[in-house]
C-alpha atoms as a PDB file:
ATOM      1  CA  MET A   1     128.452 113.718 108.880  1.00  0.00           C
ATOM      2  CA  LEU A   2     128.333 117.243 109.962  1.00  0.00           C
ATOM      3  CA  ALA A   3     124.274 117.178 109.525  1.00  0.00           C
ATOM      4  CA  SER A   4     123.964 114.321 112.043  1.00  0.00           C
ATOM      5  CA  LEU A   5     126.287 116.041 114.520  1.00  0.00           C
ATOM      6  CA  LEU A   6     124.013 119.034 114.244  1.00  0.00           C
ATOM      7  CA  LEU A   7     120.835 117.115 114.554  1.00  0.00           C
ATOM      8  CA  ILE A   8     121.686 114.384 117.022  1.00  0.00           C
ATOM      9  CA  GLU A   9     120.453 116.124 119.992  1.00  0.00           C
ATOM     10  CA  ARG A  10     117.303 117.693 118.324  1.00  0.00           C
ATOM     11  CA  ILE A  11     116.193 114.545 116.381  1.00  0.00           C
ATOM     12  CA  GLY A  12     117.742 111.713 118.451  1.00  0.00           C
ATOM     13  CA  ARG A  13     119.809 108.633 117.689  1.00  0.00           C
ATOM     14  CA  ARG A  14     117.018 106.169 116.759  1.00  0.00           C
ATOM     15  CA  LYS A  15     115.598 108.638 114.266  1.00  0.00           C
ATOM     16  CA  LEU A  16     119.035 109.196 112.690  1.00  0.00           C
ATOM     17  CA  THR A  17     119.890 105.437 112.587  1.00  0.00           C
ATOM     18  CA  ILE A  18     116.888 103.699 111.346  1.00  0.00           C
ATOM     19  CA  PRO A  19     115.449 105.734 108.660  1.00  0.00           C
ATOM     20  CA  GLN A  20     118.709 106.133 107.137  1.00  0.00           C
ATOM     21  CA  GLN A  21     119.401 102.437 106.694  1.00  0.00           C
ATOM     22  CA  TRP A  22     115.957 102.253 105.044  1.00  0.00           C
ATOM     23  CA  VAL A  23     116.889 105.029 102.643  1.00  0.00           C
ATOM     24  CA  CYS A  24     120.363 103.239 101.995  1.00  0.00           C
ATOM     25  CA  ALA A  25     118.601 100.050 101.105  1.00  0.00           C
ATOM     26  CA  VAL A  26     115.905 101.551  98.812  1.00  0.00           C
ATOM     27  CA  VAL A  27     118.518 103.527  96.902  1.00  0.00           C
ATOM     28  CA  LEU A  28     120.683 100.394  96.569  1.00  0.00           C
ATOM     29  CA  VAL A  29     117.654  98.237  95.455  1.00  0.00           C
ATOM     30  CA  VAL A  30     116.844 101.184  92.635  1.00  0.00           C
ATOM     31  CA  ILE A  31     120.615 100.818  91.457  1.00  0.00           C
ATOM     32  CA  GLY A  32     120.658  97.071  91.576  1.00  0.00           C
ATOM     33  CA  LEU A  33     117.189  96.796  89.671  1.00  0.00           C
ATOM     34  CA  TRP A  34     117.818  99.628  87.212  1.00  0.00           C
ATOM     35  CA  THR A  35     121.135  98.681  85.790  1.00  0.00           C
ATOM     36  CA  SER A  36     120.689 100.653  82.711  1.00  0.00           C
ATOM     37  CA  ALA A  37     119.856 104.020  84.459  1.00  0.00           C
ATOM     38  CA  PRO A  38     121.289 106.950  83.256  1.00  0.00           C
ATOM     39  CA  PRO A  39     124.757 108.037  84.793  1.00  0.00           C
ATOM     40  CA  ALA A  40     122.734 111.166  86.444  1.00  0.00           C
ATOM     41  CA  VAL A  41     120.314 108.856  88.151  1.00  0.00           C
ATOM     42  CA  ILE A  42     123.041 106.655  89.532  1.00  0.00           C
ATOM     43  CA  LEU A  43     125.046 109.494  90.581  1.00  0.00           C
ATOM     44  CA  ALA A  44     122.208 110.964  92.511  1.00  0.00           C
ATOM     45  CA  CYS A  45     121.368 107.652  94.150  1.00  0.00           C
ATOM     46  CA  PHE A  46     125.001 107.152  95.386  1.00  0.00           C
ATOM     47  CA  LEU A  47     124.966 110.759  96.496  1.00  0.00           C
ATOM     48  CA  VAL A  48     121.795 110.066  98.586  1.00  0.00           C
ATOM     49  CA  PHE A  49     123.434 106.595  99.862  1.00  0.00           C
ATOM     50  CA  ALA A  50     126.561 108.413 100.700  1.00  0.00           C
ATOM     51  CA  PHE A  51     124.662 111.080 102.807  1.00  0.00           C
ATOM     52  CA  ALA A  52     122.338 108.761 104.523  1.00  0.00           C
ATOM     53  CA  ASN A  53     125.500 106.435 105.401  1.00  0.00           C
ATOM     54  CA  ALA A  54     127.380 109.138 106.646  1.00  0.00           C
ATOM     55  CA  MET A  55     124.561 110.046 109.126  1.00  0.00           C
ATOM     56  CA  CYS A  56     124.550 106.427 110.605  1.00  0.00           C
ATOM     57  CA  THR A  57     128.370 106.333 110.537  1.00  0.00           C
ATOM     58  CA  ALA A  58     128.503 109.753 112.802  1.00  0.00           C
ATOM     59  CA  LEU A  59     126.646 107.902 115.385  1.00  0.00           C
ATOM     60  CA  THR A  60     128.973 104.945 115.826  1.00  0.00           C
ATOM     61  CA  GLY A  61     131.205 106.922 118.468  1.00  0.00           C
ATOM     62  CA  VAL A  62     128.191 108.091 120.231  1.00  0.00           C
ATOM     63  CA  TYR A  63     125.459 105.748 120.634  1.00  0.00           C
ATOM     64  CA  PRO A  64     127.278 102.668 121.921  1.00  0.00           C
ATOM     65  CA  GLY A  65     128.627 104.817 124.835  1.00  0.00           C
ATOM     66  CA  GLU A  66     125.219 105.742 125.712  1.00  0.00           C
ATOM     67  CA  ILE A  67     123.664 102.273 125.747  1.00  0.00           C
ATOM     68  CA  PHE A  68     126.231 100.063 127.250  1.00  0.00           C
ATOM     69  CA  PRO A  69     126.562  99.827 131.111  1.00  0.00           C
ATOM     70  CA  THR A  70     129.280 101.503 132.688  1.00  0.00           C
ATOM     71  CA  GLU A  71     131.060  98.393 133.665  1.00  0.00           C
ATOM     72  CA  ILE A  72     131.411  97.276 129.970  1.00  0.00           C
ATOM     73  CA  ARG A  73     131.088 100.827 128.282  1.00  0.00           C
ATOM     74  CA  GLY A  74     134.684 100.680 126.988  1.00  0.00           C
ATOM     75  CA  ILE A  75     134.701  97.172 125.854  1.00  0.00           C
ATOM     76  CA  GLY A  76     131.278  97.450 124.340  1.00  0.00           C
ATOM     77  CA  THR A  77     131.978 100.749 122.369  1.00  0.00           C
ATOM     78  CA  GLY A  78     135.299  99.038 121.267  1.00  0.00           C
ATOM     79  CA  PHE A  79     133.626  95.984 119.923  1.00  0.00           C
ATOM     80  CA  ALA A  80     130.860  98.204 118.108  1.00  0.00           C
ATOM     81  CA  THR A  81     133.683 100.272 116.368  1.00  0.00           C
ATOM     82  CA  ALA A  82     135.757  97.132 115.537  1.00  0.00           C
ATOM     83  CA  PHE A  83     132.626  95.374 114.254  1.00  0.00           C
ATOM     84  CA  SER A  84     131.869  98.404 112.067  1.00  0.00           C
ATOM     85  CA  ARG A  85     135.413  98.614 110.838  1.00  0.00           C
ATOM     86  CA  VAL A  86     135.348  94.828 110.191  1.00  0.00           C
ATOM     87  CA  GLY A  87     132.273  95.350 107.942  1.00  0.00           C
ATOM     88  CA  ALA A  88     133.709  98.165 106.214  1.00  0.00           C
ATOM     89  CA  ALA A  89     136.845  96.101 105.328  1.00  0.00           C
ATOM     90  CA  LEU A  90     134.623  93.355 104.088  1.00  0.00           C
ATOM     91  CA  GLY A  91     132.754  95.444 101.868  1.00  0.00           C
ATOM     92  CA  THR A  92     135.734  96.977 100.407  1.00  0.00           C
ATOM     93  CA  PHE A  93     137.249  93.686  99.440  1.00  0.00           C
ATOM     94  CA  LEU A  94     134.258  91.886  98.658  1.00  0.00           C
ATOM     95  CA  LEU A  95     132.435  94.302  96.457  1.00  0.00           C
ATOM     96  CA  PRO A  96     135.121  94.421  93.540  1.00  0.00           C
ATOM     97  CA  TRP A  97     135.050  90.477  93.749  1.00  0.00           C
ATOM     98  CA  SER A  98     131.040  90.686  93.643  1.00  0.00           C
ATOM     99  CA  MET A  99     130.834  93.158  90.974  1.00  0.00           C
ATOM    100  CA  GLN A 100     133.390  90.877  88.779  1.00  0.00           C
ATOM    101  CA  HIS A 101     131.567  87.726  89.510  1.00  0.00           C
ATOM    102  CA  LEU A 102     128.047  88.524  90.309  1.00  0.00           C
ATOM    103  CA  GLY A 103     127.566  91.811  88.320  1.00  0.00           C
ATOM    104  CA  ALA A 104     126.490  95.279  89.296  1.00  0.00           C
ATOM    105  CA  GLY A 105     122.721  94.496  89.869  1.00  0.00           C
ATOM    106  CA  PRO A 106     123.163  91.392  92.176  1.00  0.00           C
ATOM    107  CA  SER A 107     126.048  93.107  94.075  1.00  0.00           C
ATOM    108  CA  MET A 108     123.635  96.133  94.853  1.00  0.00           C
ATOM    109  CA  LEU A 109     120.910  94.026  95.803  1.00  0.00           C
ATOM    110  CA  ILE A 110     123.169  92.105  98.318  1.00  0.00           C
ATOM    111  CA  ALA A 111     124.307  95.321  99.844  1.00  0.00           C
ATOM    112  CA  ALA A 112     120.631  96.288 100.011  1.00  0.00           C
ATOM    113  CA  GLY A 113     119.930  93.234 101.983  1.00  0.00           C
ATOM    114  CA  VAL A 114     122.740  94.102 104.388  1.00  0.00           C
ATOM    115  CA  CYS A 115     120.970  97.456 105.029  1.00  0.00           C
ATOM    116  CA  VAL A 116     117.641  95.839 105.569  1.00  0.00           C
ATOM    117  CA  VAL A 117     119.001  93.482 107.999  1.00  0.00           C
ATOM    118  CA  GLY A 118     120.563  96.235 109.911  1.00  0.00           C
ATOM    119  CA  ALA A 119     117.509  98.480 109.772  1.00  0.00           C
ATOM    120  CA  LEU A 120     115.496  95.570 111.173  1.00  0.00           C
ATOM    121  CA  VAL A 121     117.951  94.731 114.064  1.00  0.00           C
ATOM    122  CA  SER A 122     117.972  98.522 114.828  1.00  0.00           C
ATOM    123  CA  GLN A 123     114.237  98.594 114.867  1.00  0.00           C
ATOM    124  CA  ALA A 124     113.903  95.806 117.275  1.00  0.00           C
ATOM    125  CA  LEU A 125     116.820  96.533 119.722  1.00  0.00           C
ATOM    126  CA  ALA A 126     117.917 100.284 119.421  1.00  0.00           C
ATOM    127  CA  PRO A 127     116.670 102.298 122.176  1.00  0.00           C
ATOM    128  CA  GLU A 128     116.387 106.125 121.992  1.00  0.00           C
ATOM    129  CA  THR A 129     118.663 107.915 124.401  1.00  0.00           C
ATOM    130  CA  MET A 130     118.093 111.595 123.415  1.00  0.00           C
ATOM    131  CA  GLY A 131     117.282 113.601 126.454  1.00  0.00           C
ATOM    132  CA  ARG A 132     117.837 110.814 129.013  1.00  0.00           C
ATOM    133  CA  PRO A 133     120.389 110.608 131.793  1.00  0.00           C
ATOM    134  CA  LEU A 134     123.452 108.197 131.079  1.00  0.00           C
ATOM    135  CA  SER A 135     122.479 106.359 134.044  1.00  0.00           C
ATOM    136  CA  GLU A 136     119.069 105.441 132.760  1.00  0.00           C
ATOM    137  CA  THR A 137     120.027 104.509 129.159  1.00  0.00           C
ATOM    138  CA  SER A 138     122.846 102.214 130.140  1.00  0.00           C
ATOM    139  CA  ALA A 139     121.169 100.426 132.966  1.00  0.00           C
ATOM    140  CA  PRO A 140     122.107  96.817 132.687  1.00  0.00           C
ATOM    141  CA  HIS A 141     118.723  95.311 133.515  1.00  0.00           C
ATOM    142  CA  ARG A 142     115.443  96.913 132.003  1.00  0.00           C
ATOM    143  CA  SER A 143     111.995  95.714 132.547  1.00  0.00           C
ATOM    144  CA  ALA A 144     110.057  94.953 129.299  1.00  0.00           C
ATOM    145  CA  ARG A 145     107.918  97.930 130.065  1.00  0.00           C
ATOM    146  CA  ASP A 146     110.866 100.085 130.312  1.00  0.00           C
ATOM    147  CA  ALA A 147     112.401  98.704 127.081  1.00  0.00           C
ATOM    148  CA  GLN A 148     109.203  99.719 125.225  1.00  0.00           C
ATOM    149  CA  ARG A 149     109.051 103.352 126.676  1.00  0.00           C
ATOM    150  CA  MET A 150     112.948 103.590 125.474  1.00  0.00           C
ATOM    151  CA  ASN A 151     111.811 102.590 122.025  1.00  0.00           C
ATOM    152  CA  ARG A 152     109.167 105.384 121.421  1.00  0.00           C
END
């Protein structure tokens, strides 16, 4: 988390969000497909996952406030935070059930699928806000050309 706080203005929000989700997906696929991996490999994979996930999580408090229009910024940020907490709670309660009933491999592959969906949605919708004024990044109506420029 500290790493993302130090890098957020140097690298940008989009670059700290999307690649990290792909890293999480790849690591979870490795764990899901290689269920007989040595414990050191599993530990290394989970450490990489934890680091990448922490970088994404650190943006939860920053990114929504920059992309929602002023009129709904508080509601939008609250909704995004609440949605992330609901997802965390579901994962906390569903993972033990999934591990017991489906097994470790399928459980990790399902988690990887969730990461892939998040990465694809972020790639399609997440604008880059680094170095841009809040009035520009949170404008309620953007043209298609403006949206393309923001995603670069």
